[in-house]
Amino acid sequence: MIGSGEFGVIALLALLFFGPEKLPDLARSLGRAVAEYRRAAEELDKDLAGELSLYKKEFTEIAENLGISTENKSIAQILDEIKEKTERGK
């Protein structure tokens, strides 16, 4: 985060570079860009969470077919146990 001193310097520089008539348009554009970034980040988070859930379901099924307990385990833990079990079977 920036402090009030840094914000004041940035506001003064923006005023000098763009002038008072351009500042409202600049602030509006910046606000839109930040909002669009947040929407995109939220959408990406939702997509990744959905994919992760799908993979966990698939790996859980594989582990259960191999006789591995999956209760309260992360995907990484499940994958490690699948790897161990399949390597022992070689």
N, C-alpha and C. Protein backbone atom coordinates (compact mmCIF):
# COMPACT_ATOMS: atom_id res chain seq x y z
N MET A 1 0.84 -1.18 0.00
CA MET A 1 0.00 0.00 0.00
C MET A 1 0.89 1.25 0.00
N ILE A 2 0.33 2.30 -0.57
CA ILE A 2 1.07 3.56 -0.55
C ILE A 2 0.52 4.44 0.56
N GLY A 3 1.39 5.23 1.13
CA GLY A 3 1.00 6.15 2.19
C GLY A 3 0.46 7.44 1.62
N SER A 4 0.02 8.32 2.50
CA SER A 4 -0.56 9.59 2.05
C SER A 4 0.49 10.48 1.39
N GLY A 5 1.73 10.40 1.86
CA GLY A 5 2.79 11.19 1.25
C GLY A 5 3.07 10.77 -0.18
N GLU A 6 3.16 9.45 -0.39
CA GLU A 6 3.39 8.95 -1.75
C GLU A 6 2.22 9.27 -2.67
N PHE A 7 1.00 9.15 -2.11
CA PHE A 7 -0.19 9.45 -2.91
C PHE A 7 -0.20 10.92 -3.34
N GLY A 8 0.19 11.78 -2.42
CA GLY A 8 0.25 13.21 -2.74
C GLY A 8 1.23 13.51 -3.85
N VAL A 9 2.40 12.87 -3.81
CA VAL A 9 3.40 13.07 -4.86
C VAL A 9 2.86 12.57 -6.21
N ILE A 10 2.24 11.39 -6.19
CA ILE A 10 1.68 10.83 -7.43
C ILE A 10 0.58 11.75 -7.98
N ALA A 11 -0.29 12.25 -7.11
CA ALA A 11 -1.36 13.15 -7.55
C ALA A 11 -0.78 14.44 -8.13
N LEU A 12 0.25 14.99 -7.51
CA LEU A 12 0.87 16.20 -8.00
C LEU A 12 1.51 15.97 -9.38
N LEU A 13 2.22 14.85 -9.53
CA LEU A 13 2.83 14.54 -10.81
C LEU A 13 1.77 14.33 -11.91
N ALA A 14 0.69 13.64 -11.56
CA ALA A 14 -0.39 13.43 -12.52
C ALA A 14 -0.99 14.77 -12.94
N LEU A 15 -1.17 15.65 -11.99
CA LEU A 15 -1.72 16.98 -12.30
C LEU A 15 -0.79 17.75 -13.22
N LEU A 16 0.52 17.66 -12.99
CA LEU A 16 1.48 18.37 -13.83
C LEU A 16 1.55 17.78 -15.24
N PHE A 17 1.53 16.44 -15.33
CA PHE A 17 1.66 15.79 -16.64
C PHE A 17 0.38 15.87 -17.48
N PHE A 18 -0.77 15.67 -16.84
CA PHE A 18 -2.01 15.55 -17.60
C PHE A 18 -2.91 16.77 -17.52
N GLY A 19 -2.74 17.59 -16.53
CA GLY A 19 -3.57 18.77 -16.38
C GLY A 19 -4.89 18.44 -15.69
N PRO A 20 -5.54 19.46 -15.14
CA PRO A 20 -6.76 19.23 -14.37
C PRO A 20 -7.94 18.73 -15.21
N GLU A 21 -7.96 19.04 -16.49
CA GLU A 21 -9.10 18.61 -17.31
C GLU A 21 -9.01 17.13 -17.70
N LYS A 22 -7.84 16.55 -17.71
CA LYS A 22 -7.66 15.14 -18.08
C LYS A 22 -7.72 14.19 -16.88
N LEU A 23 -7.51 14.71 -15.66
CA LEU A 23 -7.46 13.85 -14.48
C LEU A 23 -8.74 13.04 -14.25
N PRO A 24 -9.93 13.60 -14.39
CA PRO A 24 -11.14 12.78 -14.18
C PRO A 24 -11.21 11.60 -15.16
N ASP A 25 -10.88 11.84 -16.43
CA ASP A 25 -10.89 10.76 -17.41
C ASP A 25 -9.84 9.70 -17.08
N LEU A 26 -8.68 10.15 -16.64
CA LEU A 26 -7.61 9.24 -16.27
C LEU A 26 -8.01 8.38 -15.07
N ALA A 27 -8.61 9.02 -14.06
CA ALA A 27 -9.06 8.28 -12.87
C ALA A 27 -10.15 7.27 -13.23
N ARG A 28 -11.07 7.66 -14.10
CA ARG A 28 -12.15 6.77 -14.54
C ARG A 28 -11.58 5.57 -15.28
N SER A 29 -10.63 5.82 -16.17
CA SER A 29 -9.99 4.73 -16.92
C SER A 29 -9.24 3.79 -15.99
N LEU A 30 -8.55 4.36 -15.03
CA LEU A 30 -7.83 3.54 -14.06
C LEU A 30 -8.80 2.69 -13.24
N GLY A 31 -9.89 3.28 -12.81
CA GLY A 31 -10.91 2.54 -12.06
C GLY A 31 -11.48 1.39 -12.87
N ARG A 32 -11.77 1.63 -14.14
CA ARG A 32 -12.28 0.56 -15.02
C ARG A 32 -11.25 -0.55 -15.18
N ALA A 33 -9.99 -0.17 -15.35
CA ALA A 33 -8.94 -1.18 -15.52
C ALA A 33 -8.79 -2.03 -14.27
N VAL A 34 -8.84 -1.41 -13.11
CA VAL A 34 -8.73 -2.16 -11.85
C VAL A 34 -9.93 -3.10 -11.69
N ALA A 35 -11.12 -2.61 -12.00
CA ALA A 35 -12.33 -3.45 -11.90
C ALA A 35 -12.25 -4.63 -12.86
N GLU A 36 -11.79 -4.39 -14.08
CA GLU A 36 -11.65 -5.48 -15.06
C GLU A 36 -10.62 -6.49 -14.60
N TYR A 37 -9.52 -6.03 -14.03
CA TYR A 37 -8.50 -6.93 -13.51
C TYR A 37 -9.09 -7.80 -12.40
N ARG A 38 -9.83 -7.20 -11.49
CA ARG A 38 -10.43 -7.96 -10.38
C ARG A 38 -11.42 -9.00 -10.91
N ARG A 39 -12.24 -8.63 -11.89
CA ARG A 39 -13.20 -9.58 -12.47
C ARG A 39 -12.46 -10.75 -13.11
N ALA A 40 -11.41 -10.45 -13.85
CA ALA A 40 -10.64 -11.51 -14.50
C ALA A 40 -9.97 -12.42 -13.48
N ALA A 41 -9.44 -11.84 -12.42
CA ALA A 41 -8.79 -12.64 -11.37
C ALA A 41 -9.80 -13.54 -10.67
N GLU A 42 -10.98 -13.02 -10.38
CA GLU A 42 -12.03 -13.83 -9.75
C GLU A 42 -12.47 -14.97 -10.66
N GLU A 43 -12.61 -14.68 -11.94
CA GLU A 43 -13.01 -15.71 -12.90
C GLU A 43 -11.94 -16.79 -13.00
N LEU A 44 -10.69 -16.39 -13.02
CA LEU A 44 -9.59 -17.35 -13.06
C LEU A 44 -9.58 -18.22 -11.80
N ASP A 45 -9.80 -17.61 -10.64
CA ASP A 45 -9.87 -18.37 -9.39
C ASP A 45 -10.99 -19.41 -9.45
N LYS A 46 -12.15 -19.02 -9.95
CA LYS A 46 -13.27 -19.95 -10.05
C LYS A 46 -12.94 -21.10 -11.02
N ASP A 47 -12.35 -20.77 -12.15
CA ASP A 47 -11.98 -21.79 -13.13
C ASP A 47 -10.96 -22.77 -12.55
N LEU A 48 -9.96 -22.24 -11.88
CA LEU A 48 -8.92 -23.10 -11.29
C LEU A 48 -9.50 -23.98 -10.18
N ALA A 49 -10.39 -23.42 -9.38
CA ALA A 49 -11.00 -24.20 -8.30
C ALA A 49 -11.84 -25.34 -8.90
N GLY A 50 -12.54 -25.07 -9.98
CA GLY A 50 -13.33 -26.10 -10.65
C GLY A 50 -12.46 -27.21 -11.22
N GLU A 51 -11.37 -26.82 -11.86
CA GLU A 51 -10.44 -27.81 -12.42
C GLU A 51 -9.80 -28.64 -11.32
N LEU A 52 -9.41 -27.98 -10.25
CA LEU A 52 -8.78 -28.68 -9.13
C LEU A 52 -9.75 -29.69 -8.52
N SER A 53 -10.99 -29.31 -8.39
CA SER A 53 -12.01 -30.20 -7.85
C SER A 53 -12.20 -31.41 -8.75
N LEU A 54 -12.21 -31.19 -10.06
CA LEU A 54 -12.36 -32.28 -11.02
C LEU A 54 -11.19 -33.25 -10.93
N TYR A 55 -9.97 -32.72 -10.86
CA TYR A 55 -8.79 -33.58 -10.77
C TYR A 55 -8.78 -34.35 -9.45
N LYS A 56 -9.18 -33.69 -8.36
CA LYS A 56 -9.19 -34.38 -7.07
C LYS A 56 -10.18 -35.54 -7.11
N LYS A 57 -11.31 -35.32 -7.76
CA LYS A 57 -12.31 -36.40 -7.87
C LYS A 57 -11.73 -37.58 -8.65
N GLU A 58 -11.07 -37.29 -9.76
CA GLU A 58 -10.49 -38.35 -10.59
C GLU A 58 -9.38 -39.10 -9.84
N PHE A 59 -8.50 -38.37 -9.17
CA PHE A 59 -7.41 -39.01 -8.44
C PHE A 59 -7.94 -39.79 -7.24
N THR A 60 -9.01 -39.29 -6.63
CA THR A 60 -9.63 -40.01 -5.51
C THR A 60 -10.18 -41.35 -5.99
N GLU A 61 -10.82 -41.35 -7.14
CA GLU A 61 -11.35 -42.61 -7.69
C GLU A 61 -10.23 -43.60 -7.98
N ILE A 62 -9.15 -43.12 -8.57
CA ILE A 62 -8.00 -43.99 -8.87
C ILE A 62 -7.43 -44.56 -7.57
N ALA A 63 -7.25 -43.70 -6.56
CA ALA A 63 -6.69 -44.14 -5.29
C ALA A 63 -7.59 -45.18 -4.63
N GLU A 64 -8.88 -44.94 -4.64
CA GLU A 64 -9.81 -45.89 -4.03
C GLU A 64 -9.79 -47.22 -4.76
N ASN A 65 -9.65 -47.20 -6.07
CA ASN A 65 -9.54 -48.44 -6.84
C ASN A 65 -8.27 -49.21 -6.49
N LEU A 66 -7.25 -48.48 -6.04
CA LEU A 66 -6.00 -49.12 -5.63
C LEU A 66 -6.00 -49.49 -4.14
N GLY A 67 -7.11 -49.21 -3.46
CA GLY A 67 -7.21 -49.54 -2.05
C GLY A 67 -6.56 -48.53 -1.13
N ILE A 68 -6.43 -47.30 -1.59
CA ILE A 68 -5.80 -46.24 -0.80
C ILE A 68 -6.90 -45.38 -0.20
N SER A 69 -6.80 -45.13 1.11
CA SER A 69 -7.75 -44.25 1.79
C SER A 69 -7.47 -42.80 1.37
N THR A 70 -8.51 -42.05 1.06
CA THR A 70 -8.34 -40.68 0.60
C THR A 70 -8.96 -39.66 1.54
N GLU A 71 -9.51 -40.11 2.64
CA GLU A 71 -10.21 -39.21 3.55
C GLU A 71 -9.26 -38.19 4.16
N ASN A 72 -9.66 -36.92 4.08
CA ASN A 72 -8.90 -35.79 4.65
C ASN A 72 -7.48 -35.66 4.08
N LYS A 73 -7.30 -36.00 2.82
CA LYS A 73 -5.98 -35.89 2.18
C LYS A 73 -6.05 -34.89 1.03
N SER A 74 -4.95 -34.21 0.83
CA SER A 74 -4.85 -33.27 -0.29
C SER A 74 -4.56 -34.05 -1.57
N ILE A 75 -4.67 -33.37 -2.68
CA ILE A 75 -4.37 -33.99 -3.97
C ILE A 75 -2.92 -34.46 -3.99
N ALA A 76 -2.02 -33.64 -3.44
CA ALA A 76 -0.60 -34.00 -3.42
C ALA A 76 -0.38 -35.27 -2.62
N GLN A 77 -1.04 -35.39 -1.48
CA GLN A 77 -0.89 -36.58 -0.66
C GLN A 77 -1.44 -37.81 -1.39
N ILE A 78 -2.59 -37.64 -2.03
CA ILE A 78 -3.18 -38.75 -2.78
C ILE A 78 -2.26 -39.19 -3.91
N LEU A 79 -1.71 -38.22 -4.63
CA LEU A 79 -0.81 -38.56 -5.74
C LEU A 79 0.45 -39.27 -5.24
N ASP A 80 0.99 -38.80 -4.11
CA ASP A 80 2.17 -39.46 -3.54
C ASP A 80 1.88 -40.92 -3.20
N GLU A 81 0.72 -41.18 -2.61
CA GLU A 81 0.37 -42.55 -2.25
C GLU A 81 0.12 -43.41 -3.48
N ILE A 82 -0.49 -42.82 -4.51
CA ILE A 82 -0.70 -43.57 -5.76
C ILE A 82 0.67 -43.93 -6.36
N LYS A 83 1.58 -42.96 -6.36
CA LYS A 83 2.93 -43.19 -6.90
C LYS A 83 3.64 -44.30 -6.12
N GLU A 84 3.60 -44.22 -4.78
CA GLU A 84 4.24 -45.24 -3.95
C GLU A 84 3.66 -46.64 -4.23
N LYS A 85 2.33 -46.69 -4.30
CA LYS A 85 1.67 -47.98 -4.49
C LYS A 85 1.99 -48.57 -5.87
N THR A 86 2.01 -47.73 -6.88
CA THR A 86 2.28 -48.26 -8.23
C THR A 86 3.76 -48.61 -8.40
N GLU A 87 4.67 -47.88 -7.72
CA GLU A 87 6.09 -48.22 -7.81
C GLU A 87 6.40 -49.53 -7.07
N ARG A 88 5.70 -49.78 -5.98
CA ARG A 88 5.90 -51.04 -5.23
C ARG A 88 5.41 -52.23 -6.04
N GLY A 89 4.42 -51.97 -6.92
CA GLY A 89 3.85 -53.05 -7.71
C GLY A 89 4.69 -53.45 -8.90
N LYS A 90 5.74 -52.71 -9.20
CA LYS A 90 6.60 -53.01 -10.36
C LYS A 90 7.52 -54.17 -10.08
